Amino acid sequence: MLHWLATHWAEIVGFGTGAACVLLASYRKIWTFPVGIVNNLVFIVLFVSTGIYANAGLQVVYLALGLHGWRNWHAQQGQPEFVLRMPRAAIPALVGAGVAATTALTWLLSAHTDSTVPFVDAATTSVSLVAQYMLNRRWLECWIVWIVVDIAYVALYFSVGLPITAALYVLFIGLCVQGMLSWRMHRRQTDAAAIA
């Protein structure tokens, strides 16, 4: 048992901090960001050791986005308009950014690394960046993007031999559904208060 724990420590700590991070985000708690930063550091170690380099790099970007989100959310704490709707005008830019990033990362991973699954690694990384940007902006629709990418992550992590991390992403899917419902309810209450 101790050998198994020593071998899988990063997955176990990643599981715990990742689940806490998403749960805190679903309840609009600012502590999601420091917990997420710890999660990022653990996953950098884990993903580099398994050759999922774009996802390891994603964790570095998440560190920066986590600091940005922490500052942004802190400035908005207590505001009635905390949960916002995504402007339709943002959709083409977000899709374009996701496609461009996936294309560039797939080429980079294929040409310069021994990545085990370059396209899937690149696509999940790119879509996750879009979802994190949306979360930082407090757009309700971020949860839909997170659910879609988390489904892809489950398959990716099982395929590279990370069953604990795959199980975490199954949990993330449920937490994202809960987050979407919680944020939607908050948004409806905000809209109803504005009408009254």
Protein backbone atom coordinates (compact mmCIF):
# COMPACT_ATOMS: atom_id res chain seq x y z
CA MET A 1 0.00 0.00 0.00
CA LEU A 2 2.79 2.47 0.88
CA HIS A 3 4.53 1.72 -2.41
CA TRP A 4 1.30 2.40 -4.31
CA LEU A 5 0.83 5.70 -2.44
CA ALA A 6 4.42 6.71 -3.13
CA THR A 7 4.01 5.90 -6.82
CA HIS A 8 0.67 7.66 -7.22
CA TRP A 9 1.06 10.60 -4.82
CA ALA A 10 0.74 13.21 -7.56
CA GLU A 11 -2.50 11.73 -8.86
CA ILE A 12 -3.92 11.51 -5.33
CA VAL A 13 -3.00 15.09 -4.38
CA GLY A 14 -4.13 16.26 -7.83
CA PHE A 15 -7.45 14.49 -7.30
CA GLY A 16 -8.08 16.17 -3.96
CA THR A 17 -7.03 19.68 -4.91
CA GLY A 18 -8.73 19.46 -8.30
CA ALA A 19 -12.05 18.35 -6.83
CA ALA A 20 -11.88 21.09 -4.18
CA CYS A 21 -11.04 23.71 -6.82
CA VAL A 22 -14.03 22.90 -9.04
CA LEU A 23 -16.38 22.59 -6.07
CA LEU A 24 -15.30 26.01 -4.79
CA ALA A 25 -15.77 27.53 -8.26
CA SER A 26 -19.24 26.03 -8.53
CA TYR A 27 -20.21 27.91 -5.35
CA ARG A 28 -18.48 31.11 -6.55
CA LYS A 29 -15.88 30.96 -3.76
CA ILE A 30 -12.66 32.88 -4.36
CA TRP A 31 -10.64 30.11 -2.65
CA THR A 32 -10.97 28.21 -5.93
CA PHE A 33 -7.91 30.11 -7.18
CA PRO A 34 -5.28 29.35 -4.49
CA VAL A 35 -6.43 25.72 -4.34
CA GLY A 36 -6.27 25.61 -8.14
CA ILE A 37 -2.71 26.94 -8.11
CA VAL A 38 -1.61 24.07 -5.83
CA ASN A 39 -3.41 21.70 -8.21
CA ASN A 40 -1.51 23.19 -11.16
CA LEU A 41 1.87 22.62 -9.52
CA VAL A 42 1.07 18.98 -8.78
CA PHE A 43 -0.24 18.34 -12.30
CA ILE A 44 2.88 19.86 -13.90
CA VAL A 45 4.91 17.12 -12.24
CA LEU A 46 2.39 14.41 -13.17
CA PHE A 47 1.92 15.37 -16.82
CA VAL A 48 5.61 15.85 -17.57
CA SER A 49 6.29 12.39 -16.16
CA THR A 50 3.68 10.83 -18.49
CA GLY A 51 4.60 12.73 -21.68
CA ILE A 52 1.44 14.88 -21.87
CA TYR A 53 3.46 18.02 -22.48
CA ALA A 54 0.76 20.40 -23.70
CA ASN A 55 -1.31 19.60 -20.63
CA ALA A 56 1.78 20.22 -18.48
CA GLY A 57 2.27 23.56 -20.22
CA LEU A 58 -1.41 24.26 -19.72
CA GLN A 59 -0.86 24.06 -15.97
CA VAL A 60 1.77 26.82 -16.24
CA VAL A 61 -0.72 29.00 -18.12
CA TYR A 62 -3.36 28.11 -15.52
CA LEU A 63 -1.04 29.52 -12.85
CA ALA A 64 -1.06 32.89 -14.60
CA LEU A 65 -4.79 32.69 -15.34
CA GLY A 66 -5.41 31.68 -11.73
CA LEU A 67 -3.69 34.83 -10.50
CA HIS A 68 -5.70 36.89 -13.01
CA GLY A 69 -8.96 35.23 -12.03
CA TRP A 70 -8.19 35.63 -8.33
CA ARG A 71 -7.70 39.38 -8.82
CA ASN A 72 -10.77 39.70 -11.05
CA TRP A 73 -13.06 37.74 -8.72
CA HIS A 74 -11.73 39.63 -5.68
CA ALA A 75 -12.72 42.91 -7.32
CA GLN A 76 -16.24 41.58 -7.95
CA GLN A 77 -16.97 39.91 -4.59
CA GLY A 78 -20.36 40.98 -3.27
CA GLN A 79 -21.48 42.44 -6.58
CA PRO A 80 -25.03 41.37 -7.57
CA GLU A 81 -23.92 40.94 -11.19
CA PHE A 82 -21.32 38.30 -10.37
CA VAL A 83 -22.56 35.73 -12.93
CA LEU A 84 -22.68 37.15 -16.45
CA ARG A 85 -23.95 35.87 -19.79
CA MET A 86 -21.36 35.45 -22.52
CA PRO A 87 -21.77 38.03 -25.29
CA ARG A 88 -22.61 36.38 -28.61
CA ALA A 89 -19.92 38.47 -30.26
CA ALA A 90 -17.29 36.56 -28.23
CA ILE A 91 -18.16 33.18 -29.77
CA PRO A 92 -16.28 33.55 -33.12
CA ALA A 93 -13.16 34.84 -31.35
CA LEU A 94 -13.19 32.01 -28.80
CA VAL A 95 -13.75 29.34 -31.47
CA GLY A 96 -11.03 30.87 -33.64
CA ALA A 97 -8.60 31.00 -30.74
CA GLY A 98 -9.34 27.37 -29.88
CA VAL A 99 -8.81 26.17 -33.46
CA ALA A 100 -5.64 28.22 -33.93
CA ALA A 101 -4.16 27.06 -30.64
CA THR A 102 -5.03 23.42 -31.38
CA THR A 103 -3.39 23.63 -34.81
CA ALA A 104 -0.24 25.28 -33.48
CA LEU A 105 0.10 22.97 -30.49
CA THR A 106 -0.50 19.83 -32.57
CA TRP A 107 2.32 20.86 -34.91
CA LEU A 108 4.61 21.77 -32.01
CA LEU A 109 3.98 18.52 -30.16
CA SER A 110 4.29 16.38 -33.29
CA ALA A 111 7.47 18.05 -34.52
CA HIS A 112 9.35 18.66 -31.30
CA THR A 113 8.28 16.21 -28.60
CA ASP A 114 7.58 12.55 -28.04
CA SER A 115 3.98 13.37 -27.07
CA THR A 116 1.91 10.22 -26.99
CA VAL A 117 -1.29 11.83 -28.35
CA PRO A 118 -0.41 15.21 -29.87
CA PHE A 119 -3.79 16.20 -31.36
CA VAL A 120 -5.87 15.22 -28.33
CA ASP A 121 -3.31 16.79 -25.99
CA ALA A 122 -3.39 20.00 -28.05
CA ALA A 123 -7.18 20.13 -28.43
CA THR A 124 -7.94 19.54 -24.76
CA THR A 125 -5.34 22.11 -23.78
CA SER A 126 -6.74 24.73 -26.16
CA VAL A 127 -10.38 24.20 -25.19
CA SER A 128 -9.41 24.29 -21.50
CA LEU A 129 -7.78 27.68 -22.01
CA VAL A 130 -10.98 28.97 -23.60
CA ALA A 131 -13.02 27.60 -20.68
CA GLN A 132 -10.68 29.13 -18.10
CA TYR A 133 -10.86 32.51 -19.85
CA MET A 134 -14.65 32.27 -19.72
CA LEU A 135 -14.56 31.31 -16.02
CA ASN A 136 -12.30 34.28 -15.24
CA ARG A 137 -14.85 36.52 -16.98
CA ARG A 138 -17.60 34.87 -14.89
CA TRP A 139 -19.57 33.80 -17.97
CA LEU A 140 -22.23 31.21 -17.15
CA GLU A 141 -21.56 29.31 -20.39
CA CYS A 142 -18.05 28.37 -19.21
CA TRP A 143 -19.56 25.31 -17.53
CA ILE A 144 -20.78 23.87 -20.85
CA VAL A 145 -17.27 24.14 -22.30
CA TRP A 146 -15.77 22.58 -19.17
CA ILE A 147 -18.17 19.62 -19.39
CA VAL A 148 -17.28 18.94 -23.03
CA VAL A 149 -13.52 19.13 -22.45
CA ASP A 150 -13.71 17.06 -19.26
CA ILE A 151 -15.37 14.23 -21.21
CA ALA A 152 -12.40 14.29 -23.60
CA TYR A 153 -9.98 14.35 -20.66
CA VAL A 154 -11.51 11.18 -19.20
CA ALA A 155 -10.67 9.31 -22.41
CA LEU A 156 -7.20 10.89 -22.66
CA TYR A 157 -6.14 10.06 -19.12
CA PHE A 158 -7.39 6.48 -19.32
CA SER A 159 -5.48 6.05 -22.59
CA VAL A 160 -2.16 7.16 -21.05
CA GLY A 161 -2.54 5.06 -17.89
CA LEU A 162 -3.75 7.66 -15.38
CA PRO A 163 -6.93 6.06 -14.02
CA ILE A 164 -7.07 8.15 -10.84
CA THR A 165 -6.85 11.35 -12.87
CA ALA A 166 -9.48 10.00 -15.28
CA ALA A 167 -11.75 9.33 -12.30
CA LEU A 168 -11.14 12.90 -11.12
CA TYR A 169 -12.39 14.19 -14.45
CA VAL A 170 -15.51 12.04 -14.17
CA LEU A 171 -16.07 13.79 -10.83
CA PHE A 172 -15.34 17.13 -12.52
CA ILE A 173 -18.16 16.49 -15.00
CA GLY A 174 -20.62 16.11 -12.13
CA LEU A 175 -19.23 19.16 -10.34
CA CYS A 176 -19.47 21.18 -13.55
CA VAL A 177 -23.13 20.24 -13.94
CA GLN A 178 -23.66 21.32 -10.32
CA GLY A 179 -21.72 24.54 -11.00
CA MET A 180 -23.79 25.31 -14.08
CA LEU A 181 -27.03 24.83 -12.14
CA SER A 182 -25.79 26.92 -9.20
CA TRP A 183 -24.59 29.77 -11.43
CA ARG A 184 -27.79 29.65 -13.49
CA MET A 185 -29.89 29.92 -10.32
CA HIS A 186 -27.77 32.86 -9.12
CA ARG A 187 -28.19 34.56 -12.49
CA ARG A 188 -31.98 34.08 -12.41
CA GLN A 189 -32.15 35.53 -8.90
CA THR A 190 -30.09 38.51 -10.05
CA ASP A 191 -32.38 39.05 -13.06
CA ALA A 192 -35.51 38.73 -10.89
CA ALA A 193 -34.15 41.25 -8.35
CA ALA A 194 -33.39 43.70 -11.16
CA ILE A 195 -36.97 43.47 -12.48
CA ALA A 196 -38.58 43.82 -9.02
